[in-house]
Protein backbone atom coordinates (compact mmCIF):
# COMPACT_ATOMS: atom_id res chain seq x y z
CA MET A 1 108.22 97.23 106.71
CA ARG A 2 104.46 97.14 107.05
CA ASN A 3 104.23 100.71 105.83
CA ARG A 4 106.16 99.98 102.69
CA LEU A 5 104.13 96.93 101.91
CA PHE A 6 100.92 98.77 102.41
CA ILE A 7 101.93 101.59 100.16
CA THR A 8 103.10 99.20 97.54
CA PHE A 9 99.87 97.30 97.39
CA PHE A 10 97.87 100.50 97.13
CA LEU A 11 99.88 101.77 94.34
CA TRP A 12 98.86 99.19 92.42
CA PHE A 13 96.33 99.26 92.49
CA SER A 14 95.76 101.17 90.64
CA PHE A 15 97.74 101.68 87.69
CA ILE A 16 99.51 99.24 85.61
CA GLY A 17 102.20 99.98 83.08
CA PHE A 18 105.26 98.30 81.69
CA SER A 19 106.60 101.39 80.00
CA GLN A 20 109.75 103.14 81.17
CA ASN A 21 107.63 106.29 81.15
CA SER A 22 105.12 104.97 83.67
CA SER A 23 105.43 104.58 87.42
CA ILE A 24 103.48 103.65 90.52
CA ASP A 25 105.12 105.11 93.61
CA PHE A 26 104.03 105.03 97.24
CA GLU A 27 104.95 106.52 100.60
CA ILE A 28 104.04 105.67 104.20
CA ARG A 29 105.32 106.83 107.60
CA ASN A 30 106.93 104.19 109.80
CA LEU A 31 108.42 105.09 113.18
CA GLY A 32 108.09 108.75 112.18
CA ILE A 33 110.14 108.32 109.00
CA ASN A 34 108.76 108.44 105.46
CA VAL A 35 109.31 105.15 103.67
CA ASP A 36 108.88 105.12 99.91
CA GLY A 37 108.91 102.59 97.14
CA PHE A 38 107.50 101.57 93.80
CA PHE A 39 106.31 98.60 91.76
CA LYS A 40 108.40 97.39 88.85
CA LYS A 41 105.73 95.27 87.10
CA PHE A 42 102.29 96.63 86.37
CA SER A 43 99.98 97.36 83.47
CA ILE A 44 97.65 100.30 82.92
CA THR A 45 94.86 100.32 80.39
CA THR A 46 93.09 103.48 79.28
CA LYS A 47 90.38 104.30 76.75
CA PHE A 48 89.73 107.71 75.25
CA ASP A 49 86.90 108.83 73.00
CA ALA A 50 87.36 110.64 69.67
CA SER A 51 87.61 113.98 71.52
CA ASN A 52 90.41 112.66 73.78
CA ASN A 53 88.18 112.45 76.86
CA LEU A 54 89.13 109.70 79.31
CA LYS A 55 86.46 106.97 79.28
CA ASN A 56 88.06 104.02 81.07
CA PHE A 57 91.01 103.45 83.38
CA SER A 58 92.20 100.15 84.87
CA GLY A 59 95.35 98.57 86.19
CA GLU A 60 96.97 95.46 87.54
CA ILE A 61 100.06 95.28 89.73
CA THR A 62 102.32 92.28 90.25
CA VAL A 63 102.86 92.62 93.99
CA ASN A 64 106.16 90.72 94.20
CA SER A 65 107.71 93.46 92.05
CA ILE A 66 107.67 95.83 95.03
CA GLU A 67 110.89 97.80 95.62
CA THR A 68 111.63 99.80 98.78
CA GLY A 69 115.42 99.78 98.62
CA ILE A 70 115.83 97.10 101.29
CA GLU A 71 115.55 93.54 99.99
CA SER A 72 114.71 91.95 103.37
CA ARG A 73 111.86 94.44 103.86
CA ASP A 74 110.55 93.77 100.33
CA GLU A 75 110.52 90.03 101.07
CA HIS A 76 108.72 90.61 104.38
CA LEU A 77 106.02 92.63 102.61
CA LEU A 78 105.17 89.58 100.50
CA GLU A 79 104.27 87.54 103.60
CA GLU A 80 100.82 86.85 105.06
CA ASP A 81 100.64 89.83 107.45
CA TYR A 82 101.16 92.22 104.51
CA PHE A 83 100.33 91.37 100.89
CA TYR A 84 100.29 87.56 101.18
CA THR A 85 101.43 87.07 97.60
CA LYS A 86 101.21 83.30 97.88
CA ASN A 87 97.41 83.67 97.73
CA TYR A 88 97.06 87.20 96.30
CA PRO A 89 99.79 87.88 93.70
CA LYS A 90 98.03 90.85 92.07
CA ILE A 91 96.37 94.15 92.96
CA PHE A 92 93.53 95.28 90.71
CA LEU A 93 91.94 98.64 89.93
CA GLU A 94 88.99 99.20 87.63
CA SER A 95 87.17 102.46 86.96
CA LYS A 96 83.39 102.37 87.39
CA GLU A 97 82.61 106.01 86.67
CA ILE A 98 84.65 108.85 85.19
CA SER A 99 83.40 112.44 85.45
CA LYS A 100 85.02 115.28 83.53
CA LYS A 101 85.58 118.29 85.81
CA SER A 102 87.34 120.57 83.32
CA GLU A 103 89.60 120.22 80.30
CA GLY A 104 92.05 117.41 81.15
CA ASN A 105 90.74 116.98 84.73
CA TYR A 106 88.59 114.05 85.82
CA ASN A 107 87.22 112.44 88.94
CA VAL A 108 87.45 108.65 88.89
CA LYS A 109 85.37 106.27 90.98
CA ALA A 110 87.07 102.90 90.92
CA ILE A 111 87.09 99.53 92.60
CA LEU A 112 90.43 98.64 94.22
CA LYS A 113 91.09 95.03 95.18
CA ILE A 114 93.99 94.15 97.46
CA LYS A 115 94.21 90.66 98.91
CA ASP A 116 90.61 89.54 99.49
CA LYS A 117 89.31 93.07 100.18
CA THR A 118 87.50 95.24 97.66
CA LYS A 119 86.75 98.92 98.21
CA GLN A 120 85.51 101.83 96.13
CA ILE A 121 87.94 104.72 95.97
CA ASN A 122 87.65 108.17 94.39
CA PHE A 123 90.58 110.14 93.06
CA PRO A 124 91.43 112.94 90.62
CA VAL A 125 93.12 112.20 87.32
CA LYS A 126 94.83 114.74 85.08
CA THR A 127 95.52 114.15 81.40
CA ILE A 128 97.84 116.06 79.12
CA ILE A 129 97.31 115.31 75.45
CA THR A 130 99.96 116.10 72.85
CA LYS A 131 100.24 115.24 69.18
CA ASP A 132 102.19 112.07 70.00
CA SER A 133 101.20 111.00 73.52
CA ARG A 134 98.81 111.04 76.45
CA LYS A 135 100.13 111.61 79.96
CA ILE A 136 97.88 110.49 82.80
CA THR A 137 98.68 111.40 86.41
CA ALA A 138 96.83 110.50 89.59
CA TYR A 139 97.37 110.89 93.30
CA PHE A 140 95.34 109.30 96.06
CA GLU A 141 95.57 108.07 99.63
CA ILE A 142 94.29 104.79 101.00
CA ASN A 143 93.98 103.26 104.43
CA ARG A 144 96.11 100.11 104.54
CA ARG A 145 93.87 98.67 107.27
CA ASP A 146 90.90 98.68 104.88
CA PHE A 147 92.78 95.97 102.97
CA ASN A 148 94.20 94.07 105.96
CA VAL A 149 97.77 95.04 105.12
CA GLY A 150 100.25 95.42 107.97
CA GLY A 151 97.88 94.51 110.77
CA GLY A 152 97.29 96.88 113.68
CA SER A 153 100.78 98.36 113.91
CA LEU A 154 100.85 101.49 116.07
CA VAL A 155 104.18 102.71 114.67
CA MET A 156 103.12 102.53 111.03
CA SER A 157 100.72 105.07 109.60
CA LYS A 158 97.37 103.87 108.29
CA THR A 159 97.65 106.26 105.35
CA VAL A 160 99.47 105.25 102.19
CA LYS A 161 100.09 107.93 99.57
CA VAL A 162 100.06 106.69 96.00
CA SER A 163 101.26 108.54 92.91
CA VAL A 164 100.73 107.22 89.39
CA VAL A 165 102.18 108.51 86.14
CA HIS A 166 101.37 106.80 82.85
CA ILE A 167 102.52 107.98 79.43
CA GLU A 168 101.28 106.22 76.36
CA LYS A 169 101.79 106.83 72.65
CA ARG A 170 98.74 107.92 70.73
CA ASN A 171 97.52 105.44 68.15
CA ASP A 172 94.68 107.45 66.67
């Protein structure tokens, strides 16, 4: 349960979107088994310049929208030893620096806030621009212990793998 909660809060983080075309998924090992899940409620905000270069990326996740496939586990993840949604209902991510590596490939330095912990994270972002839409994908790993999620469990991995996909219509 701790693994799922940790992954969920990291995913968040990070990217927020209400579109059917967007997702924030996570995975963590617990007792040697991969546990995965996703957040149902999130928003992702992006800004592009006139040349379709990514200039800003931020997100907000509603933590109690976590889904792991087991309702009792999802409820446990909302408690104090995991996400503590009574006091910390949201996860926040805000880019601080975006560097273009090559066409459609960026490195993002961002601030991730989970519970009362804030940490800088770095991760790659890929964009695919078409006539009608922009697709943004990101993958990163976080240490759940950096955010005081799941305590010191020895059976749950510290590493949470987060995958974000965001597709937005172009308005330019």
